[in-house]
C-alpha atoms as a PDB file:
ATOM      1  CA  MET A   1       0.122   0.249   0.460  1.00  0.00           C
ATOM      2  CA  ASN A   2       1.439   3.542  -0.738  1.00  0.00           C
ATOM      3  CA  VAL A   3      -0.255   6.382   0.783  1.00  0.00           C
ATOM      4  CA  ASN A   4       0.555  10.113  -0.320  1.00  0.00           C
ATOM      5  CA  GLY A   5       4.403   8.680  -1.631  1.00  0.00           C
ATOM      6  CA  ILE A   6       4.963   6.482   1.617  1.00  0.00           C
ATOM      7  CA  GLY A   7       5.344   2.635   1.005  1.00  0.00           C
ATOM      8  CA  ALA A   8       4.200  -0.195   2.849  1.00  0.00           C
ATOM      9  CA  ALA A   9       7.509  -0.579   4.613  1.00  0.00           C
ATOM     10  CA  GLY A  10       7.536   3.733   5.692  1.00  0.00           C
ATOM     11  CA  TYR A  11       9.928   5.317   3.773  1.00  0.00           C
ATOM     12  CA  LEU A  12      10.049   7.928   1.496  1.00  0.00           C
ATOM     13  CA  ALA A  13      12.218   8.104  -1.829  1.00  0.00           C
ATOM     14  CA  ALA A  14      14.522  11.136  -0.713  1.00  0.00           C
ATOM     15  CA  GLY A  15      16.588  10.838  -3.792  1.00  0.00           C
ATOM     16  CA  LYS A  16      19.401   8.171  -2.226  1.00  0.00           C
ATOM     17  CA  ALA A  17      18.712   8.015   1.025  1.00  0.00           C
ATOM     18  CA  LYS A  18      15.332   6.724   2.715  1.00  0.00           C
ATOM     19  CA  VAL A  19      13.484   8.769   4.686  1.00  0.00           C
ATOM     20  CA  ARG A  20      11.954   6.958   7.809  1.00  0.00           C
ATOM     21  CA  GLN A  21       8.267   8.496   8.471  1.00  0.00           C
ATOM     22  CA  ALA A  22       7.301   7.000  11.799  1.00  0.00           C
ATOM     23  CA  GLN A  23       3.133   6.809  12.624  1.00  0.00           C
ATOM     24  CA  ASP A  24       3.141  10.811  14.493  1.00  0.00           C
ATOM     25  CA  GLY A  25       4.215  12.464  10.999  1.00  0.00           C
ATOM     26  CA  THR A  26       7.719  12.871  12.443  1.00  0.00           C
ATOM     27  CA  GLN A  27      11.069  11.573   9.966  1.00  0.00           C
ATOM     28  CA  SER A  28      14.564  10.644  10.315  1.00  0.00           C
ATOM     29  CA  PHE A  29      17.227   9.072   7.882  1.00  0.00           C
ATOM     30  CA  ASP A  30      17.687   5.317   7.676  1.00  0.00           C
ATOM     31  CA  ARG A  31      20.885   5.608   9.184  1.00  0.00           C
ATOM     32  CA  GLU A  32      21.561   1.611   8.598  1.00  0.00           C
ATOM     33  CA  PHE A  33      20.643   1.786   4.825  1.00  0.00           C
ATOM     34  CA  MET A  34      23.033   5.429   4.204  1.00  0.00           C
ATOM     35  CA  GLY A  35      26.018   2.763   5.866  1.00  0.00           C
ATOM     36  CA  MET A  36      25.325   1.034   2.779  1.00  0.00           C
ATOM     37  CA  ALA A  37      28.569   0.273   0.529  1.00  0.00           C
ATOM     38  CA  SER A  38      28.217   1.463  -3.225  1.00  0.00           C
ATOM     39  CA  GLN A  39      28.065  -1.616  -4.860  1.00  0.00           C
ATOM     40  CA  THR A  40      29.804  -0.831  -8.862  1.00  0.00           C
ATOM     41  CA  PRO A  41      26.957  -1.457 -11.338  1.00  0.00           C
ATOM     42  CA  SER A  42      27.301  -4.286 -13.550  1.00  0.00           C
ATOM     43  CA  PHE A  43      27.444  -2.268 -16.575  1.00  0.00           C
ATOM     44  CA  VAL A  44      30.955  -0.851 -15.374  1.00  0.00           C
ATOM     45  CA  GLY A  45      33.590  -2.683 -16.937  1.00  0.00           C
ATOM     46  CA  LYS A  46      36.595  -0.657 -16.137  1.00  0.00           C
ATOM     47  CA  VAL A  47      37.265   2.635 -14.547  1.00  0.00           C
ATOM     48  CA  TRP A  48      39.612   5.078 -16.721  1.00  0.00           C
ATOM     49  CA  THR A  49      42.363   7.147 -16.009  1.00  0.00           C
ATOM     50  CA  LYS A  50      42.040  10.948 -17.539  1.00  0.00           C
ATOM     51  CA  GLU A  51      44.966   9.854 -19.714  1.00  0.00           C
ATOM     52  CA  GLU A  52      43.479   6.813 -20.501  1.00  0.00           C
ATOM     53  CA  ILE A  53      39.960   8.781 -21.292  1.00  0.00           C
ATOM     54  CA  MET A  54      41.611  11.146 -23.307  1.00  0.00           C
ATOM     55  CA  GLN A  55      43.586   8.412 -25.933  1.00  0.00           C
ATOM     56  CA  SER A  56      40.411   7.114 -26.550  1.00  0.00           C
ATOM     57  CA  VAL A  57      38.608   9.926 -27.849  1.00  0.00           C
ATOM     58  CA  ASP A  58      41.246  11.386 -29.324  1.00  0.00           C
ATOM     59  CA  LYS A  59      41.911   7.383 -31.105  1.00  0.00           C
ATOM     60  CA  GLN A  60      37.670   7.835 -32.251  1.00  0.00           C
ATOM     61  CA  VAL A  61      38.453  11.408 -33.172  1.00  0.00           C
ATOM     62  CA  GLN A  62      41.364   9.787 -35.567  1.00  0.00           C
ATOM     63  CA  SER A  63      38.850   7.143 -36.935  1.00  0.00           C
ATOM     64  CA  ASN A  64      36.329   9.460 -37.873  1.00  0.00           C
ATOM     65  CA  GLN A  65      38.601  11.372 -40.089  1.00  0.00           C
ATOM     66  CA  SER A  66      37.094  10.528 -43.106  1.00  0.00           C
ATOM     67  CA  LYS A  67      33.457  11.352 -42.023  1.00  0.00           C
ATOM     68  CA  LYS A  68      34.644  15.102 -41.671  1.00  0.00           C
ATOM     69  CA  MET A  69      32.828  18.021 -43.883  1.00  0.00           C
ATOM     70  CA  SER A  70      34.439  20.729 -45.507  1.00  0.00           C
ATOM     71  CA  VAL A  71      33.540  24.011 -44.341  1.00  0.00           C
ATOM     72  CA  SER A  72      31.509  24.554 -47.745  1.00  0.00           C
ATOM     73  CA  ASP A  73      29.726  21.476 -47.283  1.00  0.00           C
ATOM     74  CA  MET A  74      28.568  22.288 -43.741  1.00  0.00           C
ATOM     75  CA  ILE A  75      27.264  25.422 -44.996  1.00  0.00           C
ATOM     76  CA  LYS A  76      25.101  23.808 -47.703  1.00  0.00           C
ATOM     77  CA  ALA A  77      23.780  21.270 -45.599  1.00  0.00           C
ATOM     78  CA  THR A  78      22.339  23.773 -43.063  1.00  0.00           C
ATOM     79  CA  CYS A  79      21.388  26.571 -44.816  1.00  0.00           C
ATOM     80  CA  ILE A  80      17.740  26.755 -45.852  1.00  0.00           C
ATOM     81  CA  GLU A  81      18.704  28.677 -49.314  1.00  0.00           C
ATOM     82  CA  GLY A  82      21.965  26.791 -50.155  1.00  0.00           C
ATOM     83  CA  THR A  83      24.297  28.164 -52.117  1.00  0.00           C
ATOM     84  CA  ARG A  84      21.605  31.245 -53.492  1.00  0.00           C
ATOM     85  CA  ALA A  85      22.189  32.989 -49.672  1.00  0.00           C
ATOM     86  CA  GLN A  86      24.047  36.053 -48.787  1.00  0.00           C
ATOM     87  CA  PHE A  87      25.971  35.998 -46.400  1.00  0.00           C
ATOM     88  CA  ARG A  88      27.731  38.638 -43.819  1.00  0.00           C
ATOM     89  CA  PHE A  89      30.220  38.252 -40.835  1.00  0.00           C
ATOM     90  CA  ALA A  90      28.981  39.654 -37.261  1.00  0.00           C
ATOM     91  CA  GLY A  91      29.653  43.549 -37.071  1.00  0.00           C
ATOM     92  CA  GLU A  92      30.609  43.931 -40.921  1.00  0.00           C
ATOM     93  CA  ASP A  93      28.200  45.918 -43.506  1.00  0.00           C
ATOM     94  CA  LYS A  94      29.939  43.935 -46.611  1.00  0.00           C
ATOM     95  CA  ILE A  95      27.449  41.219 -47.940  1.00  0.00           C
ATOM     96  CA  TYR A  96      28.941  38.213 -49.852  1.00  0.00           C
ATOM     97  CA  THR A  97      28.206  34.923 -51.990  1.00  0.00           C
ATOM     98  CA  PHE A  98      28.293  31.829 -51.284  1.00  0.00           C
ATOM     99  CA  ASP A  99      31.329  31.417 -53.519  1.00  0.00           C
ATOM    100  CA  GLU A 100      32.772  34.315 -51.947  1.00  0.00           C
ATOM    101  CA  TYR A 101      31.709  33.902 -48.301  1.00  0.00           C
ATOM    102  CA  ILE A 102      33.796  30.266 -48.191  1.00  0.00           C
ATOM    103  CA  LYS A 103      36.720  32.072 -49.775  1.00  0.00           C
ATOM    104  CA  GLU A 104      37.023  34.705 -47.388  1.00  0.00           C
ATOM    105  CA  LEU A 105      35.862  32.092 -44.422  1.00  0.00           C
ATOM    106  CA  ASP A 106      39.036  30.108 -45.690  1.00  0.00           C
ATOM    107  CA  LYS A 107      41.749  33.137 -46.005  1.00  0.00           C
ATOM    108  CA  ARG A 108      40.322  34.311 -42.374  1.00  0.00           C
ATOM    109  CA  SER A 109      40.731  30.730 -41.295  1.00  0.00           C
ATOM    110  CA  LYS A 110      44.449  30.265 -42.168  1.00  0.00           C
ATOM    111  CA  ASN A 111      45.003  34.060 -40.882  1.00  0.00           C
ATOM    112  CA  SER A 112      44.073  33.244 -37.357  1.00  0.00           C
ATOM    113  CA  VAL A 113      46.237  30.570 -37.070  1.00  0.00           C
END
């Protein structure tokens, strides 16, 4: 039976802690439950160090390099108007065609590196 969120054993769910509620309405933490050692979930196979995580990410990035899109392809894929759109850099008044924008973007990207 569950009345107002209180289970049959008189417990309320309070995150990962259990709260015991007495008949008179007072509440207390179940210290025995809270004192139990946490158990590693069954899906955890290995605990990784920071270096191992970084190596794994680097390996994944390298394996996906063949899927990398060019800036031109990304803009074509994300811009509804495609190559017919007009482009402008933030804070500037000059308007570029698609091809002009790609050339200017490429030039600015190389200068900033």
